[in-house]
Amino acid sequence: MYKPAEDTFFLEDALKFYKGKCALEIGIGSGYLTHGLCKNYNLVVGTDISFNSLLFAKSNYLKNDNNVFLVCTDLAFPLQNKFDLIISNPPYLPQGSVQFEDNTVHGGAKGIEVSLKLIKNCLPLLNRTGKLLIVRSNLSDLRRMDQMMQELSINKRVVARKRLFFEELEILELSKK
C-alpha cells in the first residue's frame, strides 16, 4: 500500500479548486485523498487493486465518510458511471535497471505505461465537462506520454509543478476534446 507522501500532498493541494457531484479516485492506497474528495463531492468512488488497501482506508481515513463506495479492481474497469472528476497518483517511476519491481512506485519500463492505461480506461468515464487529474514525474518518458495523449485527442493542461530534490512533479488536468 502506498502511504501519503509529498506527491500525495501535492495532489491534495490541487483538489481544493474542484467541486462537483461525483468523483472517482483510482488507486486509493491509504484512502487519504479519497477522504479529501468526500468534502467537495456528494458521491465518491475509490478503487484499488489491493483489497488490504481498501480495508485499511475504510477503517482509517474513510471510517466516518458515508458518501464513499470502494471497489476492488484494476483501475476502473467494471465502472460505467460518469464522473465530474477522476484523480490518480499512479506509479510513475521508470522501472529502468532496478533489480526489484515495486508496483506502488514503478509505472513500467518508461514510467508511463500504467498512466497511459489509466488514461485510456478513465476518459470514457468523464462526463461532458469532467476532468482527470494525474500526477507525473520528469523521470519518466514525458515526451512519449505527451505524444500518446495527442494521438488520443486529449486536452492537456499542467495545473501545478513542484520541484523535489531529485525530480519535478506535474499535475495534469486532462479532458476529452
N, C-alpha and C. Protein backbone atom coordinates (compact mmCIF):
# COMPACT_ATOMS: atom_id res chain seq x y z
N MET A 1 0.84 -1.18 0.00
CA MET A 1 0.00 0.00 0.00
C MET A 1 0.89 1.24 0.00
N TYR A 2 0.49 2.22 -0.81
CA TYR A 2 1.22 3.47 -0.89
C TYR A 2 0.68 4.42 0.18
N LYS A 3 1.56 4.82 1.08
CA LYS A 3 1.17 5.72 2.16
C LYS A 3 1.32 7.17 1.69
N PRO A 4 0.57 8.11 2.30
CA PRO A 4 0.67 9.51 1.89
C PRO A 4 2.11 10.01 1.94
N ALA A 5 2.52 10.67 0.86
CA ALA A 5 3.87 11.22 0.74
C ALA A 5 3.78 12.58 0.06
N GLU A 6 4.93 13.16 -0.30
CA GLU A 6 4.95 14.50 -0.89
C GLU A 6 4.06 14.62 -2.12
N ASP A 7 4.06 13.59 -2.98
CA ASP A 7 3.23 13.66 -4.18
C ASP A 7 1.74 13.60 -3.83
N THR A 8 1.39 12.90 -2.76
CA THR A 8 0.00 12.84 -2.29
C THR A 8 -0.46 14.23 -1.85
N PHE A 9 0.36 14.90 -1.06
CA PHE A 9 0.01 16.22 -0.55
C PHE A 9 -0.02 17.26 -1.67
N PHE A 10 0.84 17.07 -2.66
CA PHE A 10 0.86 17.94 -3.85
C PHE A 10 -0.48 17.84 -4.59
N LEU A 11 -0.96 16.63 -4.80
CA LEU A 11 -2.26 16.45 -5.46
C LEU A 11 -3.39 16.97 -4.58
N GLU A 12 -3.27 16.77 -3.28
CA GLU A 12 -4.29 17.28 -2.35
C GLU A 12 -4.45 18.79 -2.49
N ASP A 13 -3.34 19.51 -2.62
CA ASP A 13 -3.40 20.97 -2.78
C ASP A 13 -4.19 21.37 -4.02
N ALA A 14 -4.05 20.62 -5.09
CA ALA A 14 -4.76 20.93 -6.34
C ALA A 14 -6.26 20.66 -6.22
N LEU A 15 -6.65 19.72 -5.37
CA LEU A 15 -8.05 19.32 -5.27
C LEU A 15 -8.97 20.42 -4.74
N LYS A 16 -8.41 21.37 -4.01
CA LYS A 16 -9.27 22.41 -3.41
C LYS A 16 -9.96 23.28 -4.45
N PHE A 17 -9.50 23.22 -5.71
CA PHE A 17 -10.10 24.02 -6.78
C PHE A 17 -11.20 23.28 -7.53
N TYR A 18 -11.53 22.08 -7.11
CA TYR A 18 -12.50 21.24 -7.82
C TYR A 18 -13.65 20.86 -6.89
N LYS A 19 -14.87 21.01 -7.40
CA LYS A 19 -16.08 20.62 -6.67
C LYS A 19 -17.08 20.07 -7.67
N GLY A 20 -17.96 19.20 -7.20
CA GLY A 20 -18.97 18.65 -8.09
C GLY A 20 -19.84 17.64 -7.38
N LYS A 21 -20.50 16.83 -8.17
CA LYS A 21 -21.43 15.83 -7.63
C LYS A 21 -20.77 14.48 -7.41
N CYS A 22 -19.95 14.04 -8.38
CA CYS A 22 -19.47 12.66 -8.37
C CYS A 22 -17.98 12.62 -8.72
N ALA A 23 -17.17 11.98 -7.87
CA ALA A 23 -15.73 11.89 -8.09
C ALA A 23 -15.26 10.45 -7.93
N LEU A 24 -14.12 10.17 -8.55
CA LEU A 24 -13.52 8.84 -8.52
C LEU A 24 -12.03 8.98 -8.27
N GLU A 25 -11.50 8.17 -7.36
CA GLU A 25 -10.05 8.06 -7.23
C GLU A 25 -9.64 6.66 -7.63
N ILE A 26 -8.66 6.58 -8.52
CA ILE A 26 -8.10 5.31 -8.97
C ILE A 26 -6.84 5.04 -8.16
N GLY A 27 -6.79 3.90 -7.49
CA GLY A 27 -5.62 3.54 -6.68
C GLY A 27 -5.59 4.32 -5.38
N ILE A 28 -6.55 4.06 -4.49
CA ILE A 28 -6.71 4.90 -3.31
C ILE A 28 -5.63 4.69 -2.25
N GLY A 29 -4.90 3.57 -2.31
CA GLY A 29 -3.87 3.34 -1.30
C GLY A 29 -4.45 3.44 0.10
N SER A 30 -3.99 4.40 0.87
CA SER A 30 -4.44 4.57 2.26
C SER A 30 -5.83 5.19 2.36
N GLY A 31 -6.32 5.82 1.31
CA GLY A 31 -7.61 6.50 1.34
C GLY A 31 -7.53 7.97 1.70
N TYR A 32 -6.32 8.48 1.86
CA TYR A 32 -6.12 9.86 2.28
C TYR A 32 -6.78 10.85 1.32
N LEU A 33 -6.52 10.71 0.01
CA LEU A 33 -7.09 11.64 -0.97
C LEU A 33 -8.59 11.40 -1.16
N THR A 34 -9.02 10.16 -1.07
CA THR A 34 -10.44 9.85 -1.19
C THR A 34 -11.22 10.58 -0.09
N HIS A 35 -10.68 10.58 1.09
CA HIS A 35 -11.30 11.30 2.21
C HIS A 35 -11.42 12.79 1.87
N GLY A 36 -10.38 13.36 1.29
CA GLY A 36 -10.43 14.77 0.88
C GLY A 36 -11.51 15.04 -0.15
N LEU A 37 -11.70 14.11 -1.08
CA LEU A 37 -12.75 14.27 -2.10
C LEU A 37 -14.14 14.29 -1.47
N CYS A 38 -14.33 13.56 -0.38
CA CYS A 38 -15.64 13.47 0.27
C CYS A 38 -16.14 14.83 0.75
N LYS A 39 -15.24 15.78 0.95
CA LYS A 39 -15.63 17.11 1.42
C LYS A 39 -16.28 17.94 0.32
N ASN A 40 -15.91 17.71 -0.95
CA ASN A 40 -16.38 18.54 -2.06
C ASN A 40 -17.27 17.83 -3.06
N TYR A 41 -17.58 16.56 -2.80
CA TYR A 41 -18.40 15.78 -3.74
C TYR A 41 -19.47 15.02 -2.98
N ASN A 42 -20.66 14.92 -3.59
CA ASN A 42 -21.78 14.20 -2.96
C ASN A 42 -21.55 12.70 -2.94
N LEU A 43 -20.93 12.19 -3.99
CA LEU A 43 -20.67 10.76 -4.11
C LEU A 43 -19.22 10.57 -4.54
N VAL A 44 -18.51 9.71 -3.84
CA VAL A 44 -17.11 9.42 -4.16
C VAL A 44 -16.94 7.91 -4.28
N VAL A 45 -16.28 7.50 -5.34
CA VAL A 45 -15.95 6.10 -5.56
C VAL A 45 -14.43 5.99 -5.52
N GLY A 46 -13.93 4.98 -4.83
CA GLY A 46 -12.50 4.73 -4.78
C GLY A 46 -12.20 3.31 -5.20
N THR A 47 -11.18 3.14 -6.04
CA THR A 47 -10.80 1.79 -6.46
C THR A 47 -9.34 1.53 -6.09
N ASP A 48 -9.06 0.26 -5.87
CA ASP A 48 -7.68 -0.17 -5.67
C ASP A 48 -7.60 -1.65 -6.01
N ILE A 49 -6.47 -2.06 -6.52
CA ILE A 49 -6.26 -3.46 -6.87
C ILE A 49 -6.02 -4.30 -5.61
N SER A 50 -5.66 -3.63 -4.52
CA SER A 50 -5.36 -4.32 -3.26
C SER A 50 -6.55 -4.25 -2.30
N PHE A 51 -7.11 -5.40 -1.99
CA PHE A 51 -8.21 -5.45 -1.03
C PHE A 51 -7.75 -4.97 0.34
N ASN A 52 -6.50 -5.27 0.71
CA ASN A 52 -5.98 -4.82 2.00
C ASN A 52 -5.92 -3.30 2.09
N SER A 53 -5.59 -2.64 0.98
CA SER A 53 -5.60 -1.17 0.96
C SER A 53 -7.00 -0.64 1.21
N LEU A 54 -8.00 -1.25 0.57
CA LEU A 54 -9.38 -0.82 0.77
C LEU A 54 -9.82 -1.00 2.22
N LEU A 55 -9.45 -2.13 2.82
CA LEU A 55 -9.78 -2.36 4.23
C LEU A 55 -9.12 -1.33 5.14
N PHE A 56 -7.84 -1.05 4.87
CA PHE A 56 -7.13 -0.04 5.66
C PHE A 56 -7.81 1.31 5.52
N ALA A 57 -8.11 1.71 4.29
CA ALA A 57 -8.75 3.01 4.04
C ALA A 57 -10.09 3.12 4.76
N LYS A 58 -10.89 2.08 4.66
CA LYS A 58 -12.23 2.11 5.27
C LYS A 58 -12.16 2.18 6.79
N SER A 59 -11.17 1.55 7.38
CA SER A 59 -11.08 1.55 8.84
C SER A 59 -10.27 2.72 9.39
N ASN A 60 -9.68 3.53 8.52
CA ASN A 60 -8.88 4.67 8.98
C ASN A 60 -9.43 5.98 8.43
N TYR A 61 -8.91 6.44 7.30
CA TYR A 61 -9.29 7.74 6.76
C TYR A 61 -10.77 7.84 6.40
N LEU A 62 -11.39 6.74 6.00
CA LEU A 62 -12.76 6.79 5.48
C LEU A 62 -13.82 6.29 6.47
N LYS A 63 -13.44 6.05 7.71
CA LYS A 63 -14.38 5.42 8.65
C LYS A 63 -15.61 6.27 8.92
N ASN A 64 -15.55 7.57 8.77
CA ASN A 64 -16.71 8.43 9.03
C ASN A 64 -17.32 9.02 7.77
N ASP A 65 -16.85 8.61 6.61
CA ASP A 65 -17.37 9.13 5.34
C ASP A 65 -18.48 8.21 4.83
N ASN A 66 -19.69 8.73 4.80
CA ASN A 66 -20.84 7.92 4.39
C ASN A 66 -21.14 8.03 2.90
N ASN A 67 -20.46 8.91 2.20
CA ASN A 67 -20.73 9.11 0.77
C ASN A 67 -19.68 8.47 -0.13
N VAL A 68 -18.98 7.46 0.39
CA VAL A 68 -17.91 6.82 -0.38
C VAL A 68 -18.22 5.34 -0.59
N PHE A 69 -17.92 4.88 -1.79
CA PHE A 69 -18.05 3.47 -2.15
C PHE A 69 -16.70 2.97 -2.65
N LEU A 70 -16.28 1.81 -2.17
CA LEU A 70 -14.98 1.26 -2.53
C LEU A 70 -15.16 0.02 -3.39
N VAL A 71 -14.30 -0.10 -4.41
CA VAL A 71 -14.36 -1.22 -5.34
C VAL A 71 -12.96 -1.80 -5.51
N CYS A 72 -12.83 -3.10 -5.33
CA CYS A 72 -11.55 -3.77 -5.53
C CYS A 72 -11.45 -4.18 -7.00
N THR A 73 -10.62 -3.47 -7.74
CA THR A 73 -10.47 -3.72 -9.17
C THR A 73 -9.18 -3.08 -9.68
N ASP A 74 -8.76 -3.48 -10.85
CA ASP A 74 -7.65 -2.84 -11.53
C ASP A 74 -8.18 -1.60 -12.24
N LEU A 75 -7.67 -0.46 -11.90
CA LEU A 75 -8.10 0.83 -12.45
C LEU A 75 -9.60 1.02 -12.20
N ALA A 76 -10.40 1.14 -13.28
CA ALA A 76 -11.85 1.37 -13.12
C ALA A 76 -12.64 0.49 -14.07
N PHE A 77 -12.10 -0.68 -14.41
CA PHE A 77 -12.68 -1.49 -15.48
C PHE A 77 -14.16 -1.84 -15.33
N PRO A 78 -14.70 -2.16 -14.16
CA PRO A 78 -16.13 -2.51 -14.15
C PRO A 78 -17.07 -1.30 -14.10
N LEU A 79 -16.52 -0.10 -13.86
CA LEU A 79 -17.37 1.07 -13.65
C LEU A 79 -17.93 1.61 -14.97
N GLN A 80 -19.16 2.12 -14.90
CA GLN A 80 -19.79 2.71 -16.07
C GLN A 80 -20.38 4.08 -15.75
N ASN A 81 -20.30 4.52 -14.51
CA ASN A 81 -20.80 5.84 -14.12
C ASN A 81 -20.03 6.93 -14.85
N LYS A 82 -20.59 8.12 -14.88
CA LYS A 82 -19.89 9.30 -15.39
C LYS A 82 -19.51 10.16 -14.19
N PHE A 83 -18.31 10.71 -14.24
CA PHE A 83 -17.77 11.46 -13.11
C PHE A 83 -17.41 12.89 -13.51
N ASP A 84 -17.56 13.80 -12.54
CA ASP A 84 -17.12 15.18 -12.72
C ASP A 84 -15.60 15.28 -12.62
N LEU A 85 -15.04 14.46 -11.74
CA LEU A 85 -13.60 14.48 -11.51
C LEU A 85 -13.11 13.06 -11.25
N ILE A 86 -11.99 12.73 -11.88
CA ILE A 86 -11.28 11.49 -11.61
C ILE A 86 -9.86 11.89 -11.25
N ILE A 87 -9.33 11.32 -10.17
CA ILE A 87 -7.96 11.63 -9.78
C ILE A 87 -7.16 10.34 -9.63
N SER A 88 -5.85 10.48 -9.82
CA SER A 88 -4.96 9.36 -9.57
C SER A 88 -3.53 9.85 -9.38
N ASN A 89 -2.86 9.22 -8.45
CA ASN A 89 -1.43 9.39 -8.26
C ASN A 89 -0.82 8.03 -8.59
N PRO A 90 -0.77 7.71 -9.89
CA PRO A 90 -0.35 6.36 -10.28
C PRO A 90 1.15 6.17 -10.10
N PRO A 91 1.60 4.93 -10.11
CA PRO A 91 3.05 4.68 -10.13
C PRO A 91 3.63 5.32 -11.39
N TYR A 92 4.66 6.15 -11.23
CA TYR A 92 5.17 6.90 -12.39
C TYR A 92 6.68 6.82 -12.58
N LEU A 93 7.37 6.11 -11.74
CA LEU A 93 8.82 5.99 -11.92
C LEU A 93 9.14 4.89 -12.92
N PRO A 94 10.14 5.12 -13.79
CA PRO A 94 10.53 4.07 -14.73
C PRO A 94 11.18 2.90 -14.00
N GLN A 95 10.90 1.70 -14.50
CA GLN A 95 11.50 0.50 -13.91
C GLN A 95 13.01 0.54 -14.08
N GLY A 96 13.47 0.93 -15.26
CA GLY A 96 14.90 1.06 -15.52
C GLY A 96 15.65 -0.21 -15.21
N SER A 97 16.79 -0.07 -14.57
CA SER A 97 17.62 -1.23 -14.26
C SER A 97 17.48 -1.67 -12.81
N VAL A 98 16.41 -1.23 -12.16
CA VAL A 98 16.18 -1.61 -10.77
C VAL A 98 15.97 -3.11 -10.69
N GLN A 99 16.57 -3.75 -9.70
CA GLN A 99 16.51 -5.20 -9.56
C GLN A 99 15.15 -5.70 -9.08
N PHE A 100 14.43 -4.87 -8.34
CA PHE A 100 13.12 -5.29 -7.83
C PHE A 100 12.06 -4.34 -8.38
N GLU A 101 10.87 -4.88 -8.53
CA GLU A 101 9.78 -4.04 -9.02
C GLU A 101 8.82 -3.77 -7.87
N ASP A 102 8.52 -2.51 -7.65
CA ASP A 102 7.54 -2.10 -6.64
C ASP A 102 6.38 -1.46 -7.39
N ASN A 103 5.26 -2.18 -7.49
CA ASN A 103 4.16 -1.67 -8.30
C ASN A 103 3.45 -0.48 -7.67
N THR A 104 3.86 -0.05 -6.49
CA THR A 104 3.30 1.18 -5.93
C THR A 104 4.04 2.42 -6.43
N VAL A 105 5.24 2.24 -6.99
CA VAL A 105 6.01 3.39 -7.49
C VAL A 105 6.46 3.24 -8.94
N HIS A 106 6.69 2.02 -9.41
CA HIS A 106 7.17 1.82 -10.78
C HIS A 106 5.99 1.71 -11.75
N GLY A 107 5.99 2.60 -12.73
CA GLY A 107 4.89 2.67 -13.70
C GLY A 107 5.18 2.00 -15.01
N GLY A 108 6.13 1.08 -15.05
CA GLY A 108 6.50 0.40 -16.28
C GLY A 108 7.91 0.76 -16.70
N ALA A 109 8.35 0.20 -17.82
CA ALA A 109 9.72 0.40 -18.29
C ALA A 109 10.07 1.88 -18.44
N LYS A 110 9.17 2.67 -18.99
CA LYS A 110 9.42 4.10 -19.21
C LYS A 110 8.72 4.98 -18.17
N GLY A 111 8.02 4.35 -17.22
CA GLY A 111 7.32 5.10 -16.18
C GLY A 111 5.97 5.64 -16.60
N ILE A 112 5.55 5.38 -17.84
CA ILE A 112 4.30 5.95 -18.35
C ILE A 112 3.24 4.89 -18.68
N GLU A 113 3.62 3.64 -18.67
CA GLU A 113 2.72 2.59 -19.12
C GLU A 113 1.45 2.50 -18.28
N VAL A 114 1.59 2.55 -16.97
CA VAL A 114 0.41 2.50 -16.09
C VAL A 114 -0.45 3.74 -16.29
N SER A 115 0.18 4.90 -16.39
CA SER A 115 -0.57 6.15 -16.58
C SER A 115 -1.35 6.15 -17.89
N LEU A 116 -0.73 5.67 -18.96
CA LEU A 116 -1.44 5.64 -20.25
C LEU A 116 -2.61 4.66 -20.22
N LYS A 117 -2.42 3.53 -19.59
CA LYS A 117 -3.51 2.56 -19.45
C LYS A 117 -4.66 3.18 -18.64
N LEU A 118 -4.31 3.88 -17.58
CA LEU A 118 -5.29 4.55 -16.74
C LEU A 118 -6.05 5.61 -17.53
N ILE A 119 -5.34 6.43 -18.29
CA ILE A 119 -5.98 7.49 -19.07
C ILE A 119 -6.97 6.90 -20.07
N LYS A 120 -6.54 5.87 -20.80
CA LYS A 120 -7.43 5.24 -21.78
C LYS A 120 -8.66 4.64 -21.11
N ASN A 121 -8.50 4.08 -19.93
CA ASN A 121 -9.61 3.47 -19.19
C ASN A 121 -10.57 4.52 -18.63
N CYS A 122 -10.04 5.66 -18.20
CA CYS A 122 -10.85 6.64 -17.47
C CYS A 122 -11.53 7.69 -18.34
N LEU A 123 -10.96 8.04 -19.47
CA LEU A 123 -11.57 9.09 -20.29
C LEU A 123 -13.05 8.83 -20.61
N PRO A 124 -13.43 7.60 -20.95
CA PRO A 124 -14.86 7.36 -21.22
C PRO A 124 -15.76 7.54 -19.99
N LEU A 125 -15.17 7.57 -18.81
CA LEU A 125 -15.96 7.71 -17.58
C LEU A 125 -16.18 9.17 -17.18
N LEU A 126 -15.55 10.10 -17.90
CA LEU A 126 -15.75 11.52 -17.60
C LEU A 126 -17.05 12.01 -18.22
N ASN A 127 -17.78 12.84 -17.48
CA ASN A 127 -18.94 13.46 -18.09
C ASN A 127 -18.46 14.53 -19.08
N ARG A 128 -19.38 15.23 -19.72
CA ARG A 128 -19.02 16.16 -20.79
C ARG A 128 -18.00 17.21 -20.36
N THR A 129 -18.11 17.69 -19.12
CA THR A 129 -17.19 18.71 -18.63
C THR A 129 -16.20 18.14 -17.61
N GLY A 130 -16.14 16.83 -17.50
CA GLY A 130 -15.30 16.18 -16.49
C GLY A 130 -13.81 16.35 -16.72
N LYS A 131 -13.06 16.24 -15.65
CA LYS A 131 -11.60 16.38 -15.67
C LYS A 131 -10.95 15.17 -15.02
N LEU A 132 -9.78 14.83 -15.52
CA LEU A 132 -8.93 13.79 -14.94
C LEU A 132 -7.65 14.46 -14.46
N LEU A 133 -7.35 14.35 -13.17
CA LEU A 133 -6.10 14.87 -12.62
C LEU A 133 -5.17 13.70 -12.38
N ILE A 134 -3.95 13.84 -12.87
CA ILE A 134 -2.98 12.76 -12.75
C ILE A 134 -1.61 13.35 -12.44
N VAL A 135 -0.86 12.68 -11.57
CA VAL A 135 0.49 13.11 -11.20
C VAL A 135 1.48 12.40 -12.11
N ARG A 136 2.51 13.13 -12.55
CA ARG A 136 3.59 12.51 -13.32
C ARG A 136 4.92 13.15 -12.95
N SER A 137 6.01 12.45 -13.29
CA SER A 137 7.36 12.87 -12.93
C SER A 137 8.20 13.06 -14.18
N ASN A 138 9.14 14.01 -14.11
CA ASN A 138 10.05 14.22 -15.23
C ASN A 138 11.07 13.09 -15.37
N LEU A 139 11.07 12.15 -14.44
CA LEU A 139 11.95 10.99 -14.56
C LEU A 139 11.39 9.96 -15.54
N SER A 140 10.12 10.09 -15.86
CA SER A 140 9.50 9.18 -16.84
C SER A 140 9.58 9.81 -18.23
N ASP A 141 9.17 9.06 -19.23
CA ASP A 141 9.27 9.50 -20.63
C ASP A 141 8.10 10.43 -20.98
N LEU A 142 8.22 11.70 -20.57
CA LEU A 142 7.14 12.66 -20.75
C LEU A 142 6.86 12.95 -22.23
N ARG A 143 7.91 12.98 -23.04
CA ARG A 143 7.73 13.26 -24.47
C ARG A 143 6.84 12.21 -25.11
N ARG A 144 7.10 10.95 -24.80
CA ARG A 144 6.28 9.86 -25.35
C ARG A 144 4.86 9.92 -24.79
N MET A 145 4.73 10.23 -23.53
CA MET A 145 3.40 10.34 -22.93
C MET A 145 2.59 11.46 -23.59
N ASP A 146 3.22 12.61 -23.80
CA ASP A 146 2.54 13.73 -24.47
C ASP A 146 2.14 13.35 -25.89
N GLN A 147 3.02 12.65 -26.58
CA GLN A 147 2.72 12.21 -27.94
C GLN A 147 1.50 11.28 -27.96
N MET A 148 1.44 10.35 -27.03
CA MET A 148 0.31 9.42 -26.96
C MET A 148 -0.99 10.16 -26.63
N MET A 149 -0.93 11.14 -25.75
CA MET A 149 -2.13 11.90 -25.41
C MET A 149 -2.62 12.72 -26.60
N GLN A 150 -1.67 13.24 -27.38
CA GLN A 150 -2.04 13.98 -28.59
C GLN A 150 -2.72 13.04 -29.59
N GLU A 151 -2.19 11.84 -29.74
CA GLU A 151 -2.80 10.86 -30.65
C GLU A 151 -4.20 10.47 -30.20
N LEU A 152 -4.45 10.51 -28.90
CA LEU A 152 -5.77 10.17 -28.36
C LEU A 152 -6.72 11.37 -28.33
N SER A 153 -6.26 12.51 -28.85
CA SER A 153 -7.06 13.75 -28.88
C SER A 153 -7.53 14.17 -27.48
N ILE A 154 -6.57 14.28 -26.59
CA ILE A 154 -6.85 14.65 -25.20
C ILE A 154 -6.41 16.08 -24.96
N ASN A 155 -7.27 16.88 -24.34
CA ASN A 155 -6.87 18.22 -23.89
C ASN A 155 -6.01 18.05 -22.65
N LYS A 156 -4.87 18.73 -22.64
CA LYS A 156 -3.93 18.60 -21.52
C LYS A 156 -3.54 19.99 -21.02
N ARG A 157 -3.56 20.14 -19.70
CA ARG A 157 -3.13 21.39 -19.09
C ARG A 157 -2.36 21.05 -17.82
N VAL A 158 -1.18 21.63 -17.65
CA VAL A 158 -0.41 21.46 -16.41
C VAL A 158 -0.99 22.46 -15.40
N VAL A 159 -1.55 21.95 -14.30
CA VAL A 159 -2.15 22.83 -13.31
C VAL A 159 -1.22 23.14 -12.15
N ALA A 160 -0.15 22.35 -11.99
CA ALA A 160 0.81 22.61 -10.92
C ALA A 160 2.12 21.87 -11.20
N ARG A 161 3.21 22.48 -10.73
CA ARG A 161 4.54 21.86 -10.81
C ARG A 161 5.20 21.99 -9.44
N LYS A 162 5.99 20.97 -9.11
CA LYS A 162 6.70 21.00 -7.83
C LYS A 162 8.05 20.35 -8.00
N ARG A 163 9.09 21.06 -7.59
CA ARG A 163 10.44 20.55 -7.65
C ARG A 163 10.75 19.86 -6.33
N LEU A 164 11.15 18.59 -6.43
CA LEU A 164 11.63 17.85 -5.27
C LEU A 164 13.14 17.70 -5.43
N PHE A 165 13.79 17.10 -4.48
CA PHE A 165 15.25 17.07 -4.53
C PHE A 165 15.81 16.28 -5.70
N PHE A 166 15.09 15.33 -6.27
CA PHE A 166 15.63 14.55 -7.38
C PHE A 166 14.74 14.52 -8.61
N GLU A 167 13.59 15.18 -8.56
CA GLU A 167 12.67 15.16 -9.69
C GLU A 167 11.75 16.37 -9.66
N GLU A 168 11.04 16.57 -10.77
CA GLU A 168 9.98 17.57 -10.81
C GLU A 168 8.67 16.87 -11.10
N LEU A 169 7.67 17.16 -10.28
CA LEU A 169 6.34 16.57 -10.46
C LEU A 169 5.43 17.57 -11.14
N GLU A 170 4.49 17.05 -11.91
CA GLU A 170 3.44 17.85 -12.52
C GLU A 170 2.10 17.21 -12.21
N ILE A 171 1.10 18.06 -12.08
CA ILE A 171 -0.27 17.57 -12.05
C ILE A 171 -0.90 18.00 -13.36
N LEU A 172 -1.34 17.01 -14.12
CA LEU A 172 -2.01 17.26 -15.39
C LEU A 172 -3.51 17.25 -15.19
N GLU A 173 -4.19 18.18 -15.85
CA GLU A 173 -5.64 18.16 -15.94
C GLU A 173 -5.97 17.74 -17.37
N LEU A 174 -6.62 16.61 -17.52
CA LEU A 174 -6.94 16.06 -18.83
C LEU A 174 -8.45 16.06 -19.03
N SER A 175 -8.85 16.27 -20.28
CA SER A 175 -10.27 16.21 -20.61
C SER A 175 -10.42 15.77 -22.06
N LYS A 176 -11.65 15.37 -22.40
CA LYS A 176 -11.93 14.95 -23.77
C LYS A 176 -12.07 16.18 -24.65
N LYS A 177 -11.62 16.06 -25.90
CA LYS A 177 -11.81 17.16 -26.86
C LYS A 177 -13.21 17.15 -27.39
